[in-house]
């Protein structure tokens, strides 16, 4: 999914960071990581990190653990 589709479906992340840059074709393309917290049953919250490639496509979704 493209990051604009994720924004539409999930809303704003709690954190957005540029974590690197790819150099190609004479210009830099930045890589981003976004963090979301999802509310679960019983008041538990689950944290996820989404890493986007330089084209804005989600390439990795990582579970970061439960937040109490």
PDB file of N, CA and C in Angstrom:
ATOM      1  N   UNK A   1       0.837  -1.182   0.000  1.00  0.00           N
ATOM      2  CA  UNK A   1       0.000   0.000   0.000  1.00  0.00           C
ATOM      3  C   UNK A   1       0.884   1.249   0.000  1.00  0.00           C
ATOM      4  N   UNK A   2       0.372   2.274  -0.615  1.00  0.00           N
ATOM      5  CA  UNK A   2       1.061   3.560  -0.610  1.00  0.00           C
ATOM      6  C   UNK A   2       0.755   4.289   0.699  1.00  0.00           C
ATOM      7  N   UNK A   3       1.672   5.132   1.138  1.00  0.00           N
ATOM      8  CA  UNK A   3       1.484   5.813   2.426  1.00  0.00           C
ATOM      9  C   UNK A   3       0.231   6.678   2.463  1.00  0.00           C
ATOM     10  N   UNK A   4      -0.217   7.193   1.322  1.00  0.00           N
ATOM     11  CA  UNK A   4      -1.429   7.998   1.317  1.00  0.00           C
ATOM     12  C   UNK A   4      -2.673   7.143   1.533  1.00  0.00           C
ATOM     13  N   UNK A   5      -2.630   5.896   1.089  1.00  0.00           N
ATOM     14  CA  UNK A   5      -3.731   4.972   1.356  1.00  0.00           C
ATOM     15  C   UNK A   5      -3.779   4.612   2.842  1.00  0.00           C
ATOM     16  N   UNK A   6      -2.616   4.421   3.443  1.00  0.00           N
ATOM     17  CA  UNK A   6      -2.553   4.105   4.872  1.00  0.00           C
ATOM     18  C   UNK A   6      -3.044   5.289   5.691  1.00  0.00           C
ATOM     19  N   UNK A   7      -2.660   6.506   5.328  1.00  0.00           N
ATOM     20  CA  UNK A   7      -3.171   7.693   6.020  1.00  0.00           C
ATOM     21  C   UNK A   7      -4.684   7.759   5.950  1.00  0.00           C
ATOM     22  N   UNK A   8      -5.249   7.484   4.793  1.00  0.00           N
ATOM     23  CA  UNK A   8      -6.698   7.518   4.610  1.00  0.00           C
ATOM     24  C   UNK A   8      -7.383   6.468   5.483  1.00  0.00           C
ATOM     25  N   UNK A   9      -6.833   5.259   5.526  1.00  0.00           N
ATOM     26  CA  UNK A   9      -7.453   4.151   6.252  1.00  0.00           C
ATOM     27  C   UNK A   9      -7.197   4.181   7.758  1.00  0.00           C
ATOM     28  N   UNK A  10      -6.012   4.633   8.170  1.00  0.00           N
ATOM     29  CA  UNK A  10      -5.603   4.518   9.578  1.00  0.00           C
ATOM     30  C   UNK A  10      -5.476   5.851  10.303  1.00  0.00           C
ATOM     31  N   UNK A  11      -5.484   6.955   9.579  1.00  0.00           N
ATOM     32  CA  UNK A  11      -5.289   8.248  10.218  1.00  0.00           C
ATOM     33  C   UNK A  11      -3.816   8.558  10.414  1.00  0.00           C
ATOM     34  N   UNK A  12      -3.570   9.617  11.158  1.00  0.00           N
ATOM     35  CA  UNK A  12      -2.198  10.059  11.412  1.00  0.00           C
ATOM     36  C   UNK A  12      -1.492   9.101  12.365  1.00  0.00           C
ATOM     37  N   UNK A  13      -0.233   8.777  12.095  1.00  0.00           N
ATOM     38  CA  UNK A  13       0.545   7.966  13.032  1.00  0.00           C
ATOM     39  C   UNK A  13       0.936   8.798  14.249  1.00  0.00           C
ATOM     40  N   UNK A  14       1.346   8.128  15.318  1.00  0.00           N
ATOM     41  CA  UNK A  14       1.804   8.868  16.498  1.00  0.00           C
ATOM     42  C   UNK A  14       3.222   9.384  16.315  1.00  0.00           C
ATOM     43  N   UNK A  15       3.947   8.802  15.348  1.00  0.00           N
ATOM     44  CA  UNK A  15       5.314   9.226  15.073  1.00  0.00           C
ATOM     45  C   UNK A  15       5.621   9.010  13.595  1.00  0.00           C
ATOM     46  N   UNK A  16       6.341   9.967  13.005  1.00  0.00           N
ATOM     47  CA  UNK A  16       6.822   9.864  11.620  1.00  0.00           C
ATOM     48  C   UNK A  16       8.261  10.329  11.616  1.00  0.00           C
ATOM     49  N   UNK A  17       9.149   9.478  11.099  1.00  0.00           N
ATOM     50  CA  UNK A  17      10.562   9.844  11.058  1.00  0.00           C
ATOM     51  C   UNK A  17      11.178   9.480   9.722  1.00  0.00           C
ATOM     52  N   UNK A  18      12.061  10.328   9.262  1.00  0.00           N
ATOM     53  CA  UNK A  18      12.892  10.001   8.115  1.00  0.00           C
ATOM     54  C   UNK A  18      14.117   9.291   8.673  1.00  0.00           C
ATOM     55  N   UNK A  19      14.327   8.045   8.249  1.00  0.00           N
ATOM     56  CA  UNK A  19      15.391   7.238   8.845  1.00  0.00           C
ATOM     57  C   UNK A  19      16.549   6.968   7.912  1.00  0.00           C
ATOM     58  N   UNK A  20      16.437   7.381   6.668  1.00  0.00           N
ATOM     59  CA  UNK A  20      17.532   7.165   5.735  1.00  0.00           C
ATOM     60  C   UNK A  20      17.203   7.767   4.395  1.00  0.00           C
ATOM     61  N   UNK A  21      18.161   7.676   3.503  1.00  0.00           N
ATOM     62  CA  UNK A  21      17.969   8.203   2.158  1.00  0.00           C
ATOM     63  C   UNK A  21      18.660   7.286   1.168  1.00  0.00           C
ATOM     64  N   UNK A  22      18.036   7.089   0.039  1.00  0.00           N
ATOM     65  CA  UNK A  22      18.632   6.357  -1.073  1.00  0.00           C
ATOM     66  C   UNK A  22      19.076   7.369  -2.107  1.00  0.00           C
ATOM     67  N   UNK A  23      20.265   7.202  -2.628  1.00  0.00           N
ATOM     68  CA  UNK A  23      20.755   8.107  -3.668  1.00  0.00           C
ATOM     69  C   UNK A  23      20.664   7.387  -4.999  1.00  0.00           C
ATOM     70  N   UNK A  24      20.024   8.019  -5.949  1.00  0.00           N
ATOM     71  CA  UNK A  24      19.919   7.415  -7.270  1.00  0.00           C
ATOM     72  C   UNK A  24      19.486   8.435  -8.297  1.00  0.00           C
ATOM     73  N   UNK A  25      20.040   8.346  -9.473  1.00  0.00           N
ATOM     74  CA  UNK A  25      19.641   9.251 -10.544  1.00  0.00           C
ATOM     75  C   UNK A  25      19.976  10.703 -10.281  1.00  0.00           C
ATOM     76  N   UNK A  26      20.954  10.967  -9.430  1.00  0.00           N
ATOM     77  CA  UNK A  26      21.357  12.344  -9.167  1.00  0.00           C
ATOM     78  C   UNK A  26      20.555  13.047  -8.092  1.00  0.00           C
ATOM     79  N   UNK A  27      19.681  12.322  -7.359  1.00  0.00           N
ATOM     80  CA  UNK A  27      18.894  12.948  -6.292  1.00  0.00           C
ATOM     81  C   UNK A  27      18.632  11.941  -5.182  1.00  0.00           C
ATOM     82  N   UNK A  28      18.285  12.445  -4.008  1.00  0.00           N
ATOM     83  CA  UNK A  28      18.025  11.612  -2.834  1.00  0.00           C
ATOM     84  C   UNK A  28      16.541  11.295  -2.717  1.00  0.00           C
ATOM     85  N   UNK A  29      16.243  10.082  -2.280  1.00  0.00           N
ATOM     86  CA  UNK A  29      14.872   9.665  -2.004  1.00  0.00           C
ATOM     87  C   UNK A  29      14.850   9.178  -0.561  1.00  0.00           C
ATOM     88  N   UNK A  30      14.009   9.791   0.236  1.00  0.00           N
ATOM     89  CA  UNK A  30      14.005   9.526   1.670  1.00  0.00           C
ATOM     90  C   UNK A  30      13.155   8.316   2.037  1.00  0.00           C
ATOM     91  N   UNK A  31      13.592   7.588   3.061  1.00  0.00           N
ATOM     92  CA  UNK A  31      12.893   6.424   3.599  1.00  0.00           C
ATOM     93  C   UNK A  31      12.267   6.841   4.925  1.00  0.00           C
ATOM     94  N   UNK A  32      11.007   6.470   5.145  1.00  0.00           N
ATOM     95  CA  UNK A  32      10.286   6.883   6.358  1.00  0.00           C
ATOM     96  C   UNK A  32       9.855   5.684   7.183  1.00  0.00           C
ATOM     97  N   UNK A  33       9.705   5.915   8.497  1.00  0.00           N
ATOM     98  CA  UNK A  33       9.079   4.966   9.410  1.00  0.00           C
ATOM     99  C   UNK A  33       7.956   5.672  10.154  1.00  0.00           C
ATOM    100  N   UNK A  34       6.823   5.019  10.224  1.00  0.00           N
ATOM    101  CA  UNK A  34       5.674   5.530  10.964  1.00  0.00           C
ATOM    102  C   UNK A  34       5.328   4.551  12.068  1.00  0.00           C
ATOM    103  N   UNK A  35       4.841   5.076  13.209  1.00  0.00           N
ATOM    104  CA  UNK A  35       4.413   4.230  14.326  1.00  0.00           C
ATOM    105  C   UNK A  35       2.934   4.478  14.596  1.00  0.00           C
ATOM    106  N   UNK A  36       2.206   3.371  14.746  1.00  0.00           N
ATOM    107  CA  UNK A  36       0.787   3.400  15.090  1.00  0.00           C
ATOM    108  C   UNK A  36       0.563   2.606  16.360  1.00  0.00           C
ATOM    109  N   UNK A  37      -0.429   3.033  17.157  1.00  0.00           N
ATOM    110  CA  UNK A  37      -0.883   2.264  18.308  1.00  0.00           C
ATOM    111  C   UNK A  37      -2.331   1.886  18.056  1.00  0.00           C
ATOM    112  N   UNK A  38      -2.605   0.590  18.170  1.00  0.00           N
ATOM    113  CA  UNK A  38      -3.946   0.054  17.945  1.00  0.00           C
ATOM    114  C   UNK A  38      -4.544  -0.360  19.288  1.00  0.00           C
ATOM    115  N   UNK A  39      -5.778   0.039  19.534  1.00  0.00           N
ATOM    116  CA  UNK A  39      -6.463  -0.340  20.762  1.00  0.00           C
ATOM    117  C   UNK A  39      -7.022  -1.745  20.629  1.00  0.00           C
ATOM    118  N   UNK A  40      -6.774  -2.572  21.650  1.00  0.00           N
ATOM    119  CA  UNK A  40      -7.270  -3.941  21.650  1.00  0.00           C
ATOM    120  C   UNK A  40      -8.299  -4.145  22.748  1.00  0.00           C
ATOM    121  N   UNK A  41      -8.623  -5.387  22.982  1.00  0.00           N
ATOM    122  CA  UNK A  41      -9.597  -5.730  24.012  1.00  0.00           C
ATOM    123  C   UNK A  41      -9.003  -5.528  25.403  1.00  0.00           C
ATOM    124  N   UNK A  42      -9.851  -5.194  26.348  1.00  0.00           N
ATOM    125  CA  UNK A  42      -9.426  -5.046  27.738  1.00  0.00           C
ATOM    126  C   UNK A  42      -8.517  -3.874  27.991  1.00  0.00           C
ATOM    127  N   UNK A  43      -8.530  -2.890  27.109  1.00  0.00           N
ATOM    128  CA  UNK A  43      -7.712  -1.698  27.327  1.00  0.00           C
ATOM    129  C   UNK A  43      -6.269  -1.841  26.883  1.00  0.00           C
ATOM    130  N   UNK A  44      -5.895  -3.001  26.355  1.00  0.00           N
ATOM    131  CA  UNK A  44      -4.523  -3.173  25.882  1.00  0.00           C
ATOM    132  C   UNK A  44      -4.321  -2.416  24.577  1.00  0.00           C
ATOM    133  N   UNK A  45      -3.080  -2.002  24.359  1.00  0.00           N
ATOM    134  CA  UNK A  45      -2.733  -1.298  23.132  1.00  0.00           C
ATOM    135  C   UNK A  45      -1.537  -2.001  22.496  1.00  0.00           C
ATOM    136  N   UNK A  46      -1.515  -2.026  21.175  1.00  0.00           N
ATOM    137  CA  UNK A  46      -0.474  -2.717  20.430  1.00  0.00           C
ATOM    138  C   UNK A  46       0.214  -1.736  19.500  1.00  0.00           C
ATOM    139  N   UNK A  47       1.541  -1.745  19.518  1.00  0.00           N
ATOM    140  CA  UNK A  47       2.309  -0.789  18.750  1.00  0.00           C
ATOM    141  C   UNK A  47       2.893  -1.464  17.505  1.00  0.00           C
ATOM    142  N   UNK A  48       2.765  -0.765  16.360  1.00  0.00           N
ATOM    143  CA  UNK A  48       3.278  -1.265  15.087  1.00  0.00           C
ATOM    144  C   UNK A  48       4.117  -0.199  14.402  1.00  0.00           C
ATOM    145  N   UNK A  49       5.158  -0.644  13.712  1.00  0.00           N
ATOM    146  CA  UNK A  49       6.004   0.241  12.927  1.00  0.00           C
ATOM    147  C   UNK A  49       5.822  -0.132  11.453  1.00  0.00           C
ATOM    148  N   UNK A  50       5.625   0.874  10.618  1.00  0.00           N
ATOM    149  CA  UNK A  50       5.524   0.660   9.174  1.00  0.00           C
ATOM    150  C   UNK A  50       6.697   1.378   8.524  1.00  0.00           C
ATOM    151  N   UNK A  51       7.466   0.637   7.731  1.00  0.00           N
ATOM    152  CA  UNK A  51       8.600   1.229   7.017  1.00  0.00           C
ATOM    153  C   UNK A  51       8.235   1.352   5.542  1.00  0.00           C
ATOM    154  N   UNK A  52       8.453   2.558   5.019  1.00  0.00           N
ATOM    155  CA  UNK A  52       8.149   2.863   3.626  1.00  0.00           C
ATOM    156  C   UNK A  52       9.433   2.979   2.828  1.00  0.00           C
ATOM    157  N   UNK A  53       9.398   2.478   1.597  1.00  0.00           N
ATOM    158  CA  UNK A  53      10.548   2.656   0.715  1.00  0.00           C
ATOM    159  C   UNK A  53      10.526   4.071   0.139  1.00  0.00           C
ATOM    160  N   UNK A  54      11.485   4.352  -0.699  1.00  0.00           N
ATOM    161  CA  UNK A  54      11.620   5.706  -1.226  1.00  0.00           C
ATOM    162  C   UNK A  54      10.514   6.097  -2.204  1.00  0.00           C
ATOM    163  N   UNK A  55       9.696   5.116  -2.620  1.00  0.00           N
ATOM    164  CA  UNK A  55       8.545   5.418  -3.480  1.00  0.00           C
ATOM    165  C   UNK A  55       7.264   5.611  -2.679  1.00  0.00           C
ATOM    166  N   UNK A  56       7.356   5.528  -1.347  1.00  0.00           N
ATOM    167  CA  UNK A  56       6.180   5.708  -0.503  1.00  0.00           C
ATOM    168  C   UNK A  56       5.342   4.449  -0.345  1.00  0.00           C
ATOM    169  N   UNK A  57       5.905   3.290  -0.685  1.00  0.00           N
ATOM    170  CA  UNK A  57       5.204   2.017  -0.574  1.00  0.00           C
ATOM    171  C   UNK A  57       5.619   1.325   0.727  1.00  0.00           C
ATOM    172  N   UNK A  58       4.639   0.838   1.492  1.00  0.00           N
ATOM    173  CA  UNK A  58       4.932   0.114   2.726  1.00  0.00           C
ATOM    174  C   UNK A  58       5.623  -1.201   2.381  1.00  0.00           C
ATOM    175  N   UNK A  59       6.819  -1.408   2.899  1.00  0.00           N
ATOM    176  CA  UNK A  59       7.599  -2.609   2.615  1.00  0.00           C
ATOM    177  C   UNK A  59       7.737  -3.523   3.827  1.00  0.00           C
ATOM    178  N   UNK A  60       7.479  -2.972   5.020  1.00  0.00           N
ATOM    179  CA  UNK A  60       7.622  -3.784   6.235  1.00  0.00           C
ATOM    180  C   UNK A  60       6.659  -3.268   7.295  1.00  0.00           C
ATOM    181  N   UNK A  61       5.978  -4.204   7.947  1.00  0.00           N
ATOM    182  CA  UNK A  61       5.164  -3.875   9.114  1.00  0.00           C
ATOM    183  C   UNK A  61       5.684  -4.738  10.242  1.00  0.00           C
ATOM    184  N   UNK A  62       6.099  -4.089  11.320  1.00  0.00           N
ATOM    185  CA  UNK A  62       6.729  -4.797  12.430  1.00  0.00           C
ATOM    186  C   UNK A  62       5.926  -4.566  13.710  1.00  0.00           C
ATOM    187  N   UNK A  63       5.623  -5.645  14.411  1.00  0.00           N
ATOM    188  CA  UNK A  63       4.940  -5.567  15.699  1.00  0.00           C
ATOM    189  C   UNK A  63       5.976  -5.190  16.751  1.00  0.00           C
ATOM    190  N   UNK A  64       5.734  -4.112  17.479  1.00  0.00           N
ATOM    191  CA  UNK A  64       6.690  -3.627  18.481  1.00  0.00           C
ATOM    192  C   UNK A  64       6.328  -4.016  19.900  1.00  0.00           C
ATOM    193  N   UNK A  65       5.166  -4.627  20.082  1.00  0.00           N
ATOM    194  CA  UNK A  65       4.805  -5.096  21.403  1.00  0.00           C
ATOM    195  C   UNK A  65       3.559  -4.455  21.954  1.00  0.00           C
ATOM    196  N   UNK A  66       3.189  -4.956  23.120  1.00  0.00           N
ATOM    197  CA  UNK A  66       1.985  -4.501  23.805  1.00  0.00           C
ATOM    198  C   UNK A  66       2.333  -3.346  24.731  1.00  0.00           C
ATOM    199  N   UNK A  67       1.467  -2.353  24.727  1.00  0.00           N
ATOM    200  CA  UNK A  67       1.631  -1.198  25.612  1.00  0.00           C
ATOM    201  C   UNK A  67       0.589  -1.294  26.720  1.00  0.00           C
ATOM    202  N   UNK A  68       1.011  -1.207  27.954  1.00  0.00           N
ATOM    203  CA  UNK A  68       0.066  -1.335  29.075  1.00  0.00           C
ATOM    204  C   UNK A  68      -0.170  -0.023  29.735  1.00  0.00           C
TER     205      UNK A  68
END
